[in-house]
PDB file of N, CA and C in Angstrom:
ATOM      1  N   MET A   1     -36.275   4.924 -81.785  1.00  0.00           N
ATOM      2  CA  MET A   1     -36.987   6.093 -81.303  1.00  0.00           C
ATOM      3  C   MET A   1     -38.055   6.466 -82.333  1.00  0.00           C
ATOM      4  N   GLN A   2     -39.192   6.903 -81.826  1.00  0.00           N
ATOM      5  CA  GLN A   2     -40.298   7.255 -82.698  1.00  0.00           C
ATOM      6  C   GLN A   2     -40.799   8.651 -82.350  1.00  0.00           C
ATOM      7  N   THR A   3     -41.093   9.452 -83.367  1.00  0.00           N
ATOM      8  CA  THR A   3     -41.549  10.822 -83.169  1.00  0.00           C
ATOM      9  C   THR A   3     -42.951  10.826 -82.587  1.00  0.00           C
ATOM     10  N   LEU A   4     -43.110  11.563 -81.499  1.00  0.00           N
ATOM     11  CA  LEU A   4     -44.395  11.663 -80.829  1.00  0.00           C
ATOM     12  C   LEU A   4     -45.040  13.022 -81.055  1.00  0.00           C
ATOM     13  N   LEU A   5     -44.223  14.074 -81.134  1.00  0.00           N
ATOM     14  CA  LEU A   5     -44.757  15.434 -81.226  1.00  0.00           C
ATOM     15  C   LEU A   5     -43.759  16.322 -81.956  1.00  0.00           C
ATOM     16  N   LYS A   6     -44.258  17.166 -82.866  1.00  0.00           N
ATOM     17  CA  LYS A   6     -43.446  18.174 -83.551  1.00  0.00           C
ATOM     18  C   LYS A   6     -44.141  19.513 -83.379  1.00  0.00           C
ATOM     19  N   THR A   7     -43.374  20.532 -83.016  1.00  0.00           N
ATOM     20  CA  THR A   7     -43.943  21.859 -82.854  1.00  0.00           C
ATOM     21  C   THR A   7     -42.838  22.906 -82.949  1.00  0.00           C
ATOM     22  N   ILE A   8     -43.226  24.133 -83.226  1.00  0.00           N
ATOM     23  CA  ILE A   8     -42.244  25.219 -83.248  1.00  0.00           C
ATOM     24  C   ILE A   8     -42.068  25.832 -81.867  1.00  0.00           C
ATOM     25  N   TYR A   9     -42.874  25.402 -80.898  1.00  0.00           N
ATOM     26  CA  TYR A   9     -42.830  25.964 -79.551  1.00  0.00           C
ATOM     27  C   TYR A   9     -42.145  24.997 -78.586  1.00  0.00           C
ATOM     28  N   LEU A  10     -41.020  25.411 -78.047  1.00  0.00           N
ATOM     29  CA  LEU A  10     -40.267  24.571 -77.123  1.00  0.00           C
ATOM     30  C   LEU A  10     -41.076  24.227 -75.879  1.00  0.00           C
ATOM     31  N   TYR A  11     -41.851  25.179 -75.363  1.00  0.00           N
ATOM     32  CA  TYR A  11     -42.601  24.925 -74.131  1.00  0.00           C
ATOM     33  C   TYR A  11     -43.598  23.783 -74.289  1.00  0.00           C
ATOM     34  N   GLU A  12     -44.146  23.594 -75.497  1.00  0.00           N
ATOM     35  CA  GLU A  12     -45.111  22.512 -75.703  1.00  0.00           C
ATOM     36  C   GLU A  12     -44.453  21.140 -75.541  1.00  0.00           C
ATOM     37  N   VAL A  13     -43.261  20.980 -76.108  1.00  0.00           N
ATOM     38  CA  VAL A  13     -42.592  19.679 -75.961  1.00  0.00           C
ATOM     39  C   VAL A  13     -42.066  19.491 -74.542  1.00  0.00           C
ATOM     40  N   GLN A  14     -41.701  20.579 -73.871  1.00  0.00           N
ATOM     41  CA  GLN A  14     -41.240  20.460 -72.490  1.00  0.00           C
ATOM     42  C   GLN A  14     -42.381  20.040 -71.563  1.00  0.00           C
ATOM     43  N   ILE A  15     -43.566  20.581 -71.781  1.00  0.00           N
ATOM     44  CA  ILE A  15     -44.735  20.176 -70.984  1.00  0.00           C
ATOM     45  C   ILE A  15     -45.054  18.709 -71.239  1.00  0.00           C
ATOM     46  N   ALA A  16     -45.052  18.308 -72.500  1.00  0.00           N
ATOM     47  CA  ALA A  16     -45.331  16.913 -72.844  1.00  0.00           C
ATOM     48  C   ALA A  16     -44.275  15.992 -72.244  1.00  0.00           C
ATOM     49  N   GLN A  17     -43.017  16.399 -72.305  1.00  0.00           N
ATOM     50  CA  GLN A  17     -41.936  15.587 -71.743  1.00  0.00           C
ATOM     51  C   GLN A  17     -42.106  15.427 -70.238  1.00  0.00           C
ATOM     52  N   THR A  18     -42.456  16.496 -69.557  1.00  0.00           N
ATOM     53  CA  THR A  18     -42.665  16.432 -68.106  1.00  0.00           C
ATOM     54  C   THR A  18     -43.823  15.504 -67.765  1.00  0.00           C
ATOM     55  N   LYS A  19     -44.885  15.588 -68.542  1.00  0.00           N
ATOM     56  CA  LYS A  19     -46.042  14.718 -68.312  1.00  0.00           C
ATOM     57  C   LYS A  19     -45.660  13.245 -68.484  1.00  0.00           C
ATOM     58  N   LEU A  20     -44.878  12.954 -69.508  1.00  0.00           N
ATOM     59  CA  LEU A  20     -44.444  11.571 -69.743  1.00  0.00           C
ATOM     60  C   LEU A  20     -43.491  11.100 -68.654  1.00  0.00           C
ATOM     61  N   GLU A  21     -42.550  11.952 -68.269  1.00  0.00           N
ATOM     62  CA  GLU A  21     -41.585  11.586 -67.222  1.00  0.00           C
ATOM     63  C   GLU A  21     -42.301  11.289 -65.905  1.00  0.00           C
ATOM     64  N   SER A  22     -43.384  12.004 -65.618  1.00  0.00           N
ATOM     65  CA  SER A  22     -44.119  11.763 -64.373  1.00  0.00           C
ATOM     66  C   SER A  22     -44.786  10.393 -64.368  1.00  0.00           C
ATOM     67  N   ARG A  23     -44.941   9.804 -65.559  1.00  0.00           N
ATOM     68  CA  ARG A  23     -45.526   8.463 -65.684  1.00  0.00           C
ATOM     69  C   ARG A  23     -44.466   7.404 -65.961  1.00  0.00           C
ATOM     70  N   GLY A  24     -43.190   7.791 -65.886  1.00  0.00           N
ATOM     71  CA  GLY A  24     -42.111   6.830 -66.052  1.00  0.00           C
ATOM     72  C   GLY A  24     -41.694   6.551 -67.476  1.00  0.00           C
ATOM     73  N   ILE A  25     -42.080   7.402 -68.417  1.00  0.00           N
ATOM     74  CA  ILE A  25     -41.704   7.211 -69.810  1.00  0.00           C
ATOM     75  C   ILE A  25     -40.617   8.223 -70.161  1.00  0.00           C
ATOM     76  N   HIS A  26     -39.458   7.706 -70.552  1.00  0.00           N
ATOM     77  CA  HIS A  26     -38.337   8.562 -70.920  1.00  0.00           C
ATOM     78  C   HIS A  26     -38.519   9.065 -72.350  1.00  0.00           C
ATOM     79  N   SER A  27     -38.225  10.343 -72.568  1.00  0.00           N
ATOM     80  CA  SER A  27     -38.316  10.924 -73.905  1.00  0.00           C
ATOM     81  C   SER A  27     -37.122  11.840 -74.130  1.00  0.00           C
ATOM     82  N   TYR A  28     -36.954  12.259 -75.376  1.00  0.00           N
ATOM     83  CA  TYR A  28     -35.827  13.093 -75.763  1.00  0.00           C
ATOM     84  C   TYR A  28     -36.331  14.176 -76.703  1.00  0.00           C
ATOM     85  N   ILE A  29     -35.835  15.410 -76.511  1.00  0.00           N
ATOM     86  CA  ILE A  29     -36.221  16.530 -77.371  1.00  0.00           C
ATOM     87  C   ILE A  29     -35.108  16.779 -78.383  1.00  0.00           C
ATOM     88  N   LYS A  30     -35.418  16.575 -79.656  1.00  0.00           N
ATOM     89  CA  LYS A  30     -34.464  16.890 -80.719  1.00  0.00           C
ATOM     90  C   LYS A  30     -34.569  18.381 -81.031  1.00  0.00           C
ATOM     91  N   ASN A  31     -33.462  18.983 -81.374  1.00  0.00           N
ATOM     92  CA  ASN A  31     -33.372  20.399 -81.747  1.00  0.00           C
ATOM     93  C   ASN A  31     -33.647  21.335 -80.583  1.00  0.00           C
ATOM     94  N   GLU A  32     -33.481  20.857 -79.368  1.00  0.00           N
ATOM     95  CA  GLU A  32     -33.784  21.679 -78.190  1.00  0.00           C
ATOM     96  C   GLU A  32     -32.928  22.944 -78.136  1.00  0.00           C
ATOM     97  N   PHE A  33     -31.689  22.855 -78.580  1.00  0.00           N
ATOM     98  CA  PHE A  33     -30.782  23.992 -78.463  1.00  0.00           C
ATOM     99  C   PHE A  33     -30.405  24.612 -79.801  1.00  0.00           C
ATOM    100  N   VAL A  34     -30.926  24.107 -80.900  1.00  0.00           N
ATOM    101  CA  VAL A  34     -30.507  24.574 -82.216  1.00  0.00           C
ATOM    102  C   VAL A  34     -30.819  26.051 -82.426  1.00  0.00           C
ATOM    103  N   ASN A  35     -31.923  26.540 -81.950  1.00  0.00           N
ATOM    104  CA  ASN A  35     -32.271  27.943 -82.150  1.00  0.00           C
ATOM    105  C   ASN A  35     -31.437  28.874 -81.271  1.00  0.00           C
ATOM    106  N   ASN A  36     -30.791  28.334 -80.257  1.00  0.00           N
ATOM    107  CA  ASN A  36     -29.952  29.156 -79.383  1.00  0.00           C
ATOM    108  C   ASN A  36     -28.520  29.279 -79.892  1.00  0.00           C
ATOM    109  N   VAL A  37     -28.061  28.357 -80.695  1.00  0.00           N
ATOM    110  CA  VAL A  37     -26.666  28.366 -81.126  1.00  0.00           C
ATOM    111  C   VAL A  37     -26.482  28.762 -82.582  1.00  0.00           C
ATOM    112  N   ALA A  38     -27.543  28.879 -83.324  1.00  0.00           N
ATOM    113  CA  ALA A  38     -27.432  29.226 -84.740  1.00  0.00           C
ATOM    114  C   ALA A  38     -27.017  30.693 -84.894  1.00  0.00           C
ATOM    115  N   VAL A  39     -26.149  30.941 -85.847  1.00  0.00           N
ATOM    116  CA  VAL A  39     -25.704  32.306 -86.107  1.00  0.00           C
ATOM    117  C   VAL A  39     -26.839  33.123 -86.730  1.00  0.00           C
ATOM    118  N   MET A  40     -27.520  32.533 -87.665  1.00  0.00           N
ATOM    119  CA  MET A  40     -28.664  33.201 -88.288  1.00  0.00           C
ATOM    120  C   MET A  40     -29.936  32.637 -87.672  1.00  0.00           C
ATOM    121  N   PRO A  41     -30.957  33.470 -87.554  1.00  0.00           N
ATOM    122  CA  PRO A  41     -32.219  32.958 -86.983  1.00  0.00           C
ATOM    123  C   PRO A  41     -32.784  31.809 -87.826  1.00  0.00           C
ATOM    124  N   VAL A  42     -33.150  30.743 -87.157  1.00  0.00           N
ATOM    125  CA  VAL A  42     -33.774  29.604 -87.828  1.00  0.00           C
ATOM    126  C   VAL A  42     -35.026  29.222 -87.062  1.00  0.00           C
ATOM    127  N   ALA A  43     -35.927  28.615 -87.748  1.00  0.00           N
ATOM    128  CA  ALA A  43     -37.157  28.167 -87.106  1.00  0.00           C
ATOM    129  C   ALA A  43     -37.258  26.659 -87.280  1.00  0.00           C
ATOM    130  N   GLU A  44     -36.499  25.936 -86.512  1.00  0.00           N
ATOM    131  CA  GLU A  44     -36.520  24.480 -86.557  1.00  0.00           C
ATOM    132  C   GLU A  44     -37.617  23.968 -85.639  1.00  0.00           C
ATOM    133  N   ASN A  45     -38.292  22.939 -86.066  1.00  0.00           N
ATOM    134  CA  ASN A  45     -39.273  22.302 -85.194  1.00  0.00           C
ATOM    135  C   ASN A  45     -38.571  21.590 -84.050  1.00  0.00           C
ATOM    136  N   TYR A  46     -39.190  21.623 -82.887  1.00  0.00           N
ATOM    137  CA  TYR A  46     -38.742  20.826 -81.758  1.00  0.00           C
ATOM    138  C   TYR A  46     -39.475  19.500 -81.870  1.00  0.00           C
ATOM    139  N   ILE A  47     -38.759  18.414 -81.679  1.00  0.00           N
ATOM    140  CA  ILE A  47     -39.326  17.091 -81.901  1.00  0.00           C
ATOM    141  C   ILE A  47     -39.168  16.264 -80.633  1.00  0.00           C
ATOM    142  N   LEU A  48     -40.275  15.754 -80.131  1.00  0.00           N
ATOM    143  CA  LEU A  48     -40.262  14.890 -78.960  1.00  0.00           C
ATOM    144  C   LEU A  48     -40.318  13.445 -79.440  1.00  0.00           C
ATOM    145  N   VAL A  49     -39.328  12.657 -79.047  1.00  0.00           N
ATOM    146  CA  VAL A  49     -39.285  11.259 -79.452  1.00  0.00           C
ATOM    147  C   VAL A  49     -39.269  10.353 -78.223  1.00  0.00           C
ATOM    148  N   VAL A  50     -39.853   9.175 -78.393  1.00  0.00           N
ATOM    149  CA  VAL A  50     -39.871   8.166 -77.326  1.00  0.00           C
ATOM    150  C   VAL A  50     -39.445   6.836 -77.927  1.00  0.00           C
ATOM    151  N   ASP A  51     -39.106   5.906 -77.072  1.00  0.00           N
ATOM    152  CA  ASP A  51     -38.765   4.558 -77.509  1.00  0.00           C
ATOM    153  C   ASP A  51     -40.011   3.930 -78.148  1.00  0.00           C
ATOM    154  N   GLU A  52     -39.800   3.133 -79.160  1.00  0.00           N
ATOM    155  CA  GLU A  52     -40.916   2.522 -79.883  1.00  0.00           C
ATOM    156  C   GLU A  52     -41.838   1.716 -78.974  1.00  0.00           C
ATOM    157  N   LYS A  53     -41.274   1.051 -77.965  1.00  0.00           N
ATOM    158  CA  LYS A  53     -42.103   0.240 -77.062  1.00  0.00           C
ATOM    159  C   LYS A  53     -43.014   1.099 -76.184  1.00  0.00           C
ATOM    160  N   ASP A  54     -42.675   2.375 -75.998  1.00  0.00           N
ATOM    161  CA  ASP A  54     -43.469   3.275 -75.162  1.00  0.00           C
ATOM    162  C   ASP A  54     -44.409   4.172 -75.965  1.00  0.00           C
ATOM    163  N   TYR A  55     -44.342   4.087 -77.288  1.00  0.00           N
ATOM    164  CA  TYR A  55     -45.076   5.033 -78.138  1.00  0.00           C
ATOM    165  C   TYR A  55     -46.580   5.033 -77.879  1.00  0.00           C
ATOM    166  N   SER A  56     -47.218   3.883 -77.876  1.00  0.00           N
ATOM    167  CA  SER A  56     -48.678   3.813 -77.708  1.00  0.00           C
ATOM    168  C   SER A  56     -49.114   4.386 -76.366  1.00  0.00           C
ATOM    169  N   GLU A  57     -48.415   4.009 -75.306  1.00  0.00           N
ATOM    170  CA  GLU A  57     -48.756   4.511 -73.980  1.00  0.00           C
ATOM    171  C   GLU A  57     -48.514   6.018 -73.886  1.00  0.00           C
ATOM    172  N   ALA A  58     -47.429   6.490 -74.466  1.00  0.00           N
ATOM    173  CA  ALA A  58     -47.116   7.920 -74.437  1.00  0.00           C
ATOM    174  C   ALA A  58     -48.169   8.716 -75.188  1.00  0.00           C
ATOM    175  N   LEU A  59     -48.613   8.214 -76.310  1.00  0.00           N
ATOM    176  CA  LEU A  59     -49.650   8.878 -77.089  1.00  0.00           C
ATOM    177  C   LEU A  59     -50.948   8.975 -76.293  1.00  0.00           C
ATOM    178  N   GLU A  60     -51.314   7.902 -75.620  1.00  0.00           N
ATOM    179  CA  GLU A  60     -52.519   7.915 -74.780  1.00  0.00           C
ATOM    180  C   GLU A  60     -52.402   8.942 -73.659  1.00  0.00           C
ATOM    181  N   ILE A  61     -51.244   9.030 -73.038  1.00  0.00           N
ATOM    182  CA  ILE A  61     -51.035   9.977 -71.943  1.00  0.00           C
ATOM    183  C   ILE A  61     -51.191  11.412 -72.436  1.00  0.00           C
ATOM    184  N   LEU A  62     -50.615  11.719 -73.589  1.00  0.00           N
ATOM    185  CA  LEU A  62     -50.709  13.078 -74.114  1.00  0.00           C
ATOM    186  C   LEU A  62     -52.110  13.420 -74.589  1.00  0.00           C
ATOM    187  N   GLN A  63     -52.901  12.429 -74.955  1.00  0.00           N
ATOM    188  CA  GLN A  63     -54.263  12.676 -75.409  1.00  0.00           C
ATOM    189  C   GLN A  63     -55.245  12.798 -74.246  1.00  0.00           C
ATOM    190  N   GLU A  64     -54.835  12.440 -73.036  1.00  0.00           N
ATOM    191  CA  GLU A  64     -55.721  12.533 -71.876  1.00  0.00           C
ATOM    192  C   GLU A  64     -56.249  13.942 -71.678  1.00  0.00           C
ATOM    193  N   LYS A  65     -55.419  14.946 -71.823  1.00  0.00           N
ATOM    194  CA  LYS A  65     -55.824  16.324 -71.630  1.00  0.00           C
ATOM    195  C   LYS A  65     -56.909  16.696 -72.626  1.00  0.00           C
ATOM    196  N   GLU A  66     -56.738  16.286 -73.873  1.00  0.00           N
ATOM    197  CA  GLU A  66     -57.735  16.589 -74.896  1.00  0.00           C
ATOM    198  C   GLU A  66     -59.081  15.991 -74.529  1.00  0.00           C
ATOM    199  N   ASP A  67     -59.087  14.778 -73.999  1.00  0.00           N
ATOM    200  CA  ASP A  67     -60.324  14.142 -73.580  1.00  0.00           C
ATOM    201  C   ASP A  67     -60.986  14.931 -72.459  1.00  0.00           C
ATOM    202  N   LEU A  68     -60.201  15.423 -71.516  1.00  0.00           N
ATOM    203  CA  LEU A  68     -60.753  16.199 -70.412  1.00  0.00           C
ATOM    204  C   LEU A  68     -61.355  17.508 -70.898  1.00  0.00           C
ATOM    205  N   ASP A  69     -60.727  18.159 -71.850  1.00  0.00           N
ATOM    206  CA  ASP A  69     -61.245  19.418 -72.380  1.00  0.00           C
ATOM    207  C   ASP A  69     -62.613  19.228 -73.012  1.00  0.00           C
ATOM    208  N   GLU A  70     -62.814  18.107 -73.677  1.00  0.00           N
ATOM    209  CA  GLU A  70     -64.097  17.860 -74.339  1.00  0.00           C
ATOM    210  C   GLU A  70     -65.218  17.596 -73.328  1.00  0.00           C
ATOM    211  N   GLU A  71     -64.884  17.104 -72.150  1.00  0.00           N
ATOM    212  CA  GLU A  71     -65.903  16.742 -71.169  1.00  0.00           C
ATOM    213  C   GLU A  71     -66.345  17.915 -70.294  1.00  0.00           C
ATOM    214  N   ILE A  72     -65.630  19.012 -70.328  1.00  0.00           N
ATOM    215  CA  ILE A  72     -65.958  20.156 -69.477  1.00  0.00           C
ATOM    216  C   ILE A  72     -67.142  20.909 -70.074  1.00  0.00           C
ATOM    217  N   PRO A  73     -68.264  20.991 -69.357  1.00  0.00           N
ATOM    218  CA  PRO A  73     -69.423  21.728 -69.876  1.00  0.00           C
ATOM    219  C   PRO A  73     -69.172  23.228 -69.858  1.00  0.00           C
ATOM    220  N   GLU A  74     -69.721  23.907 -70.816  1.00  0.00           N
ATOM    221  CA  GLU A  74     -69.544  25.362 -70.892  1.00  0.00           C
ATOM    222  C   GLU A  74     -70.706  26.106 -70.286  1.00  0.00           C
TER     223      GLU A  74
END
């Protein structure tokens, strides 16, 4: 498994995971529930990981949105 995305916001990794799943790439969110079960408040990063063979394709898929944002005229 290879790390694709790290963030403190769970919704960001969930959106990325949904985007990858829609293209047939399975991913896993590490630390998804750690902030819900900890006795003391913690700020653990949420980490999205994919299989090494899918890493390049997954990275391209997640970067597609960034490419679209740059092409939109203001």
